Amino acid sequence: KARQTGVYRHARGDVDLNGRLSDYSSASYDLTVCCGVLTLGHVRPDGLRELARVTRPNGFIVASTRKSYAETISFADQVRRLQDEGVLIPAQCLRNGR
């Protein structure tokens, strides 16, 4: 659907966001999106490191996951670790968002 609208330059499917994104160069995208609703399984928090690599400086990564998954793996703690390492800067976190 996204590809049909022409809104996105590059709409990709079947991308494993939990591994190295070797087909994507660093700082290539203004926005990357990973959403548990649109993916098969969940993106692990360390997958955010790779998404940060392919996102341009001052770009955005939008991540969405189920509350139960986030709590089980301490997602917030792992995001905080990535922040402490300077990998990303969280702009907003919605808990129990709709």
Protein backbone atom coordinates (compact mmCIF):
# COMPACT_ATOMS: atom_id res chain seq x y z
CA LYS A 1 0.00 0.00 0.00
CA ALA A 2 2.77 2.45 0.97
CA ARG A 3 4.59 1.81 -2.29
CA GLN A 4 1.40 2.43 -4.29
CA THR A 5 0.86 5.90 -2.80
CA GLY A 6 4.24 7.15 -4.02
CA VAL A 7 4.77 8.92 -0.67
CA TYR A 8 7.91 6.96 0.13
CA ARG A 9 11.04 6.81 -2.00
CA HIS A 10 11.91 3.36 -0.66
CA ALA A 11 9.26 1.13 0.87
CA ARG A 12 10.70 -2.29 1.70
CA GLY A 13 9.23 -5.49 3.06
CA ASP A 14 10.74 -8.74 4.29
CA VAL A 15 13.60 -6.93 6.03
CA ASP A 16 15.05 -8.61 9.14
CA LEU A 17 15.49 -5.68 11.52
CA ASN A 18 17.26 -7.85 14.09
CA GLY A 19 20.39 -8.32 12.02
CA ARG A 20 22.92 -6.24 10.12
CA LEU A 21 21.24 -4.18 7.43
CA SER A 22 24.07 -4.77 4.98
CA ASP A 23 22.04 -3.58 1.98
CA TYR A 24 21.64 -0.13 3.55
CA SER A 25 24.37 2.47 3.86
CA SER A 26 24.88 4.60 6.96
CA ALA A 27 22.90 7.84 7.34
CA SER A 28 20.65 7.03 4.37
CA TYR A 29 17.18 7.73 5.76
CA ASP A 30 15.44 10.63 7.47
CA LEU A 31 12.95 8.24 9.07
CA THR A 32 12.92 4.53 9.82
CA VAL A 33 9.86 2.78 11.23
CA CYS A 34 9.54 -0.56 12.97
CA CYS A 35 6.18 -1.52 14.33
CA GLY A 36 5.21 -4.78 16.01
CA VAL A 37 1.85 -4.58 14.29
CA LEU A 38 3.42 -4.57 10.83
CA THR A 39 6.25 -7.02 11.46
CA LEU A 40 6.59 -10.73 11.99
CA GLY A 41 7.72 -10.81 15.60
CA HIS A 42 9.32 -7.92 17.41
CA VAL A 43 12.44 -5.90 16.84
CA ARG A 44 14.86 -6.50 19.67
CA PRO A 45 16.10 -3.32 21.35
CA ASP A 46 19.60 -3.85 19.98
CA GLY A 47 18.04 -3.73 16.52
CA LEU A 48 17.54 -0.04 17.24
CA ARG A 49 21.35 0.34 17.05
CA GLU A 50 21.29 -0.75 13.42
CA LEU A 51 18.27 1.42 12.66
CA ALA A 52 20.17 4.37 14.17
CA ARG A 53 23.10 3.60 11.89
CA VAL A 54 21.01 3.90 8.71
CA THR A 55 19.10 6.97 9.94
CA ARG A 56 20.57 10.39 9.18
CA PRO A 57 21.65 12.70 12.02
CA ASN A 58 18.56 14.43 13.44
CA GLY A 59 16.38 11.79 11.77
CA PHE A 60 13.73 9.76 13.55
CA ILE A 61 13.21 6.11 14.39
CA VAL A 62 9.63 5.22 15.25
CA ALA A 63 9.34 1.97 17.20
CA SER A 64 6.18 0.35 18.47
CA THR A 65 5.82 -2.84 20.45
CA ARG A 66 3.42 -4.62 22.75
CA LYS A 67 3.56 -3.62 26.39
CA SER A 68 3.96 -7.23 27.52
CA TYR A 69 6.97 -7.71 25.22
CA ALA A 70 8.56 -4.42 26.29
CA GLU A 71 8.23 -5.32 29.95
CA THR A 72 9.49 -8.88 29.50
CA ILE A 73 12.76 -7.80 27.89
CA SER A 74 13.20 -4.50 29.81
CA PHE A 75 12.96 -2.53 26.57
CA ALA A 76 13.13 0.86 28.34
CA ASP A 77 16.35 -0.10 30.17
CA GLN A 78 17.95 -1.19 26.92
CA VAL A 79 16.90 2.02 25.16
CA ARG A 80 18.43 3.95 28.08
CA ARG A 81 21.69 2.00 27.55
CA LEU A 82 21.71 3.00 23.87
CA GLN A 83 21.10 6.59 24.93
CA ASP A 84 24.01 6.44 27.40
CA GLU A 85 26.23 5.15 24.58
CA GLY A 86 25.19 8.09 22.39
CA VAL A 87 23.51 5.83 19.83
CA LEU A 88 20.13 7.55 20.03
CA ILE A 89 18.20 10.25 21.84
CA PRO A 90 14.64 9.27 22.77
CA ALA A 91 12.25 12.06 21.82
CA GLN A 92 9.08 10.60 23.26
CA CYS A 93 7.84 7.42 24.86
CA LEU A 94 4.17 6.56 25.11
CA ARG A 95 3.28 3.83 27.54
CA ASN A 96 -0.06 2.18 26.85
CA GLY A 97 -0.49 4.39 23.78
CA ARG A 98 -3.34 3.69 21.45
